């Protein structure tokens, strides 16, 4: 019985349009930056430096994508997950993000735009999550992450994640 269930799940996945498109085009969306997966985010991209947006490079965006959405958050924040950057309706032909792009959402500081890593203590993980969507979002500028996640539900073609860490000295 377990084998039949597993086989059914595999067949369902193989029948999805995204599976065929990605297999044929060999696309698996990937997000990279000046730091590698699990490595320290350079201080220039944090509150201890220039608080600049780290350059993000994107490869493997599905051809049928109509837009991209981006969330950067810190699940290790003392008060619960802290949202550092939220954006959507990023053009699907974007290969590099090096500044504010798309429509800006409200981060946990209550403002639009990027707020770099600034942990109060210890080493925190920062997740950059990029979503390829099958539509443009009709979402008001300044909406929060909860509204964005609700809006993208059922529209995600593919997702890429990059995680960096940061801890403050002193």
Protein backbone atom coordinates (compact mmCIF):
# COMPACT_ATOMS: atom_id res chain seq x y z
CA UNK A 1 0.00 0.00 0.00
CA UNK A 2 2.79 2.47 0.91
CA UNK A 3 4.47 1.76 -2.42
CA UNK A 4 1.29 2.58 -4.32
CA UNK A 5 0.89 5.88 -2.48
CA UNK A 6 4.51 6.85 -3.19
CA UNK A 7 4.14 5.89 -6.85
CA UNK A 8 0.94 7.98 -7.07
CA UNK A 9 2.72 11.01 -5.61
CA UNK A 10 5.62 10.62 -8.04
CA UNK A 11 3.25 10.29 -11.00
CA UNK A 12 1.27 13.36 -9.92
CA UNK A 13 4.48 15.40 -9.66
CA UNK A 14 5.68 14.16 -13.05
CA UNK A 15 2.36 15.16 -14.64
CA UNK A 16 2.61 18.78 -13.49
CA UNK A 17 3.33 21.34 -16.24
CA UNK A 18 6.16 22.84 -14.15
CA UNK A 19 7.89 19.45 -14.02
CA UNK A 20 7.91 19.09 -17.80
CA UNK A 21 8.88 22.69 -18.48
CA UNK A 22 11.74 22.58 -16.00
CA UNK A 23 12.89 19.13 -17.14
CA UNK A 24 12.83 20.12 -20.82
CA UNK A 25 14.40 23.54 -20.28
CA UNK A 26 16.63 22.21 -17.48
CA UNK A 27 15.57 25.16 -15.32
CA UNK A 28 15.91 25.10 -11.62
CA UNK A 29 15.74 28.63 -10.31
CA UNK A 30 18.76 29.58 -8.26
CA UNK A 31 19.62 32.61 -6.15
CA UNK A 32 23.27 33.53 -5.45
CA UNK A 33 25.09 36.51 -3.95
CA UNK A 34 28.48 37.72 -2.69
CA UNK A 35 28.20 35.12 0.08
CA UNK A 36 27.60 31.41 -0.37
CA UNK A 37 24.81 29.36 1.20
CA UNK A 38 25.25 29.33 4.99
CA UNK A 39 28.15 31.78 4.99
CA UNK A 40 28.45 35.15 6.72
CA UNK A 41 26.84 38.13 5.03
CA UNK A 42 29.55 40.82 4.61
CA UNK A 43 29.10 43.68 7.09
CA UNK A 44 28.64 46.30 4.34
CA UNK A 45 25.16 44.79 3.80
CA UNK A 46 24.22 45.09 7.49
CA UNK A 47 23.43 47.81 10.03
CA UNK A 48 27.11 47.71 11.03
CA UNK A 49 28.12 48.79 7.52
CA UNK A 50 26.38 50.70 4.74
CA UNK A 51 23.15 48.70 5.10
CA UNK A 52 23.37 48.22 1.32
CA UNK A 53 21.34 45.60 -0.50
CA UNK A 54 23.55 42.60 -1.26
CA UNK A 55 23.63 41.92 -5.00
CA UNK A 56 21.47 38.91 -5.84
CA UNK A 57 21.90 36.96 -9.08
CA UNK A 58 19.05 34.87 -10.45
CA UNK A 59 19.26 31.98 -12.88
CA UNK A 60 16.74 29.45 -14.14
CA UNK A 61 13.61 31.59 -14.02
CA UNK A 62 10.77 29.55 -15.57
CA UNK A 63 9.80 30.82 -19.03
CA UNK A 64 6.13 31.05 -18.06
CA UNK A 65 6.85 33.38 -15.09
CA UNK A 66 4.96 36.68 -15.21
CA UNK A 67 6.63 38.21 -12.16
CA UNK A 68 8.93 37.54 -9.21
CA UNK A 69 8.44 38.17 -5.49
CA UNK A 70 11.15 38.42 -2.84
CA UNK A 71 11.14 38.06 0.93
CA UNK A 72 14.14 38.40 3.24
CA UNK A 73 13.53 37.44 6.84
CA UNK A 74 15.23 36.37 10.07
CA UNK A 75 13.55 33.46 11.88
CA UNK A 76 15.96 33.81 14.84
CA UNK A 77 14.72 37.22 16.01
CA UNK A 78 13.77 37.26 19.71
CA UNK A 79 10.19 38.48 19.08
CA UNK A 80 9.55 36.01 16.23
CA UNK A 81 10.45 36.14 12.55
CA UNK A 82 11.64 39.61 11.53
CA UNK A 83 10.94 40.76 7.98
CA UNK A 84 13.84 42.71 6.47
CA UNK A 85 12.72 43.14 2.86
CA UNK A 86 9.56 42.44 0.89
CA UNK A 87 9.05 43.14 -2.83
CA UNK A 88 6.85 41.85 -5.65
CA UNK A 89 5.99 42.44 -9.31
CA UNK A 90 9.69 42.23 -10.09
CA UNK A 91 10.05 41.74 -13.88
CA UNK A 92 10.60 38.06 -14.74
CA UNK A 93 13.56 38.88 -17.00
CA UNK A 94 15.51 40.21 -13.99
CA UNK A 95 18.89 38.50 -13.73
CA UNK A 96 20.42 40.67 -11.01
CA UNK A 97 18.96 42.60 -8.10
CA UNK A 98 21.33 45.25 -6.77
CA UNK A 99 18.86 47.77 -5.41
CA UNK A 100 15.20 48.33 -4.69
CA UNK A 101 13.05 46.79 -7.40
CA UNK A 102 9.40 46.00 -8.02
CA UNK A 103 6.70 47.07 -5.57
CA UNK A 104 7.88 47.47 -1.98
CA UNK A 105 6.18 45.87 0.98
CA UNK A 106 6.31 46.87 4.64
CA UNK A 107 9.10 45.26 6.67
CA UNK A 108 9.09 44.71 10.44
CA UNK A 109 10.42 48.23 11.01
CA UNK A 110 7.18 49.46 9.46
CA UNK A 111 8.79 50.91 6.35
CA UNK A 112 9.20 49.96 2.71
CA UNK A 113 12.62 48.96 1.46
CA UNK A 114 15.57 46.97 2.70
CA UNK A 115 16.79 46.77 6.27
CA UNK A 116 19.95 44.75 6.64
CA UNK A 117 20.89 42.20 9.28
CA UNK A 118 21.19 43.74 12.74
CA UNK A 119 20.79 40.99 15.34
CA UNK A 120 20.61 42.15 18.96
CA UNK A 121 22.73 39.17 20.04
CA UNK A 122 24.11 35.90 18.74
CA UNK A 123 24.31 34.54 15.22
CA UNK A 124 21.13 34.84 13.15
CA UNK A 125 20.09 33.25 9.85
CA UNK A 126 18.78 35.44 7.05
CA UNK A 127 16.71 33.84 4.31
CA UNK A 128 16.33 35.42 0.89
CA UNK A 129 13.33 33.71 -0.73
CA UNK A 130 12.55 34.31 -4.37
CA UNK A 131 9.28 33.17 -5.94
CA UNK A 132 8.56 32.88 -9.68
CA UNK A 133 4.85 33.58 -10.14
CA UNK A 134 2.38 32.86 -12.93
CA UNK A 135 0.80 36.31 -12.54
CA UNK A 136 1.33 39.95 -11.61
CA UNK A 137 0.02 40.75 -8.15
CA UNK A 138 -2.77 43.21 -7.50
CA UNK A 139 -1.45 44.10 -4.06
CA UNK A 140 -1.15 47.59 -2.60
CA UNK A 141 2.32 49.04 -2.13
CA UNK A 142 3.30 48.76 1.54
CA UNK A 143 1.43 45.49 2.14
CA UNK A 144 3.07 43.19 4.68
CA UNK A 145 4.48 39.68 4.28
CA UNK A 146 1.27 38.02 5.42
CA UNK A 147 -0.69 39.71 2.61
CA UNK A 148 2.03 38.87 0.08
CA UNK A 149 2.07 35.19 1.07
CA UNK A 150 -1.70 35.08 0.78
CA UNK A 151 -1.58 36.73 -2.67
CA UNK A 152 1.01 34.30 -4.08
CA UNK A 153 -0.77 31.20 -2.83
CA UNK A 154 -1.51 28.95 -5.80
CA UNK A 155 0.63 31.08 -8.14
CA UNK A 156 4.18 29.90 -7.32
CA UNK A 157 5.87 28.21 -10.28
CA UNK A 158 9.21 27.81 -8.57
CA UNK A 159 11.06 29.00 -5.46
CA UNK A 160 14.73 29.63 -4.71
CA UNK A 161 16.25 30.29 -1.29
CA UNK A 162 19.63 31.62 -0.18
CA UNK A 163 20.55 31.71 3.50
CA UNK A 164 23.31 33.79 5.00
CA UNK A 165 24.27 34.37 8.62
CA UNK A 166 25.38 37.37 10.63
CA UNK A 167 26.41 38.16 14.19
CA UNK A 168 27.50 41.52 15.52
CA UNK A 169 30.86 42.04 17.13
CA UNK A 170 31.01 43.31 20.67
